[in-house]
């Protein structure tokens, strides 16, 4: 993970752009209560649009077990380490 760290976004360790594909919807079971149905629909929907996967790591942070809160910077003092992830999103959204 350390090899991927960049100075501007120190907690962003990996990025991958996924292109949209023209995939036909698979035949999905309509069994009530099946989480597989929802999962297949989500995967099928995601494959139709381009999206970017961004892996972040807070393995050296005191707050590493609250990574989702840190990424959201819920508290400016407690979650300041996540600010570079937010800046990464802003920078890439605007380009």
Protein backbone atom coordinates (compact mmCIF):
# COMPACT_ATOMS: atom_id res chain seq x y z
CA UNK A 1 0.00 0.00 0.00
CA UNK A 2 2.84 2.42 0.74
CA UNK A 3 4.04 2.28 -2.89
CA UNK A 4 0.73 3.76 -4.08
CA UNK A 5 0.55 6.70 -1.67
CA UNK A 6 0.72 10.15 -3.26
CA UNK A 7 1.71 13.35 -1.51
CA UNK A 8 -1.44 15.34 -2.38
CA UNK A 9 -3.87 12.55 -1.39
CA UNK A 10 -1.94 10.43 1.13
CA UNK A 11 -4.86 8.17 2.00
CA UNK A 12 -5.83 7.34 -1.60
CA UNK A 13 -3.94 4.15 -2.40
CA UNK A 14 -5.54 2.85 -5.59
CA UNK A 15 -7.77 4.13 -8.39
CA UNK A 16 -9.48 2.22 -11.16
CA UNK A 17 -11.77 3.54 -13.88
CA UNK A 18 -14.43 1.11 -15.03
CA UNK A 19 -15.95 1.71 -18.46
CA UNK A 20 -19.60 1.16 -19.22
CA UNK A 21 -20.45 -2.05 -21.04
CA UNK A 22 -23.49 -2.94 -23.07
CA UNK A 23 -24.50 -6.00 -21.08
CA UNK A 24 -27.90 -7.59 -21.40
CA UNK A 25 -29.74 -8.11 -18.14
CA UNK A 26 -29.37 -11.70 -17.00
CA UNK A 27 -32.48 -13.69 -16.26
CA UNK A 28 -32.99 -13.03 -12.58
CA UNK A 29 -34.97 -15.15 -10.17
CA UNK A 30 -37.99 -13.30 -8.83
CA UNK A 31 -38.08 -15.28 -5.61
CA UNK A 32 -39.34 -13.04 -2.80
CA UNK A 33 -36.83 -12.10 -0.14
CA UNK A 34 -33.85 -13.07 -2.26
CA UNK A 35 -30.88 -10.76 -1.78
CA UNK A 36 -29.35 -12.31 -4.90
CA UNK A 37 -32.02 -10.57 -7.00
CA UNK A 38 -31.09 -7.16 -5.64
CA UNK A 39 -27.37 -7.87 -5.96
CA UNK A 40 -27.71 -8.96 -9.60
CA UNK A 41 -29.76 -5.86 -10.44
CA UNK A 42 -27.16 -3.59 -8.81
CA UNK A 43 -24.25 -5.26 -10.62
CA UNK A 44 -26.12 -5.11 -13.91
CA UNK A 45 -26.93 -1.42 -13.38
CA UNK A 46 -23.36 -0.54 -12.42
CA UNK A 47 -21.98 -2.24 -15.51
CA UNK A 48 -24.07 0.06 -17.72
CA UNK A 49 -22.40 3.26 -16.49
CA UNK A 50 -18.80 4.37 -16.15
CA UNK A 51 -17.59 4.67 -12.59
CA UNK A 52 -14.38 5.06 -10.62
CA UNK A 53 -13.24 2.83 -7.80
CA UNK A 54 -11.04 4.54 -5.20
CA UNK A 55 -9.41 2.58 -2.39
CA UNK A 56 -8.35 4.48 0.69
CA UNK A 57 -6.33 3.38 3.68
CA UNK A 58 -6.26 4.76 7.19
CA UNK A 59 -4.12 1.92 8.58
CA UNK A 60 -1.85 4.34 10.50
CA UNK A 61 -4.71 6.48 11.79
CA UNK A 62 -5.97 6.42 15.37
CA UNK A 63 -9.46 6.40 13.83
CA UNK A 64 -8.83 3.50 11.39
CA UNK A 65 -11.80 1.50 12.70
CA UNK A 66 -14.13 4.44 11.99
CA UNK A 67 -12.94 4.90 8.41
CA UNK A 68 -16.39 5.76 7.02
CA UNK A 69 -16.75 8.61 9.50
CA UNK A 70 -13.20 9.76 8.77
CA UNK A 71 -13.87 9.80 5.01
CA UNK A 72 -17.03 11.85 5.58
CA UNK A 73 -15.12 14.24 7.88
CA UNK A 74 -18.10 14.28 10.24
CA UNK A 75 -16.11 16.18 12.86
CA UNK A 76 -13.39 18.63 11.77
CA UNK A 77 -11.17 17.80 14.74
CA UNK A 78 -11.66 14.03 15.00
CA UNK A 79 -11.77 13.20 11.28
CA UNK A 80 -9.39 15.71 9.74
CA UNK A 81 -7.36 12.90 8.15
CA UNK A 82 -10.18 12.24 5.69
CA UNK A 83 -10.01 15.75 4.19
CA UNK A 84 -7.60 14.62 1.45
CA UNK A 85 -10.11 11.97 0.31
CA UNK A 86 -12.82 14.65 0.04
CA UNK A 87 -10.40 16.91 -1.84
CA UNK A 88 -9.63 14.03 -4.22
CA UNK A 89 -13.35 13.63 -4.93
CA UNK A 90 -13.77 17.37 -5.51
CA UNK A 91 -10.71 17.57 -7.79
CA UNK A 92 -11.81 14.60 -9.88
CA UNK A 93 -15.46 15.64 -10.01
CA UNK A 94 -14.58 19.06 -11.39
CA UNK A 95 -12.31 17.72 -14.16
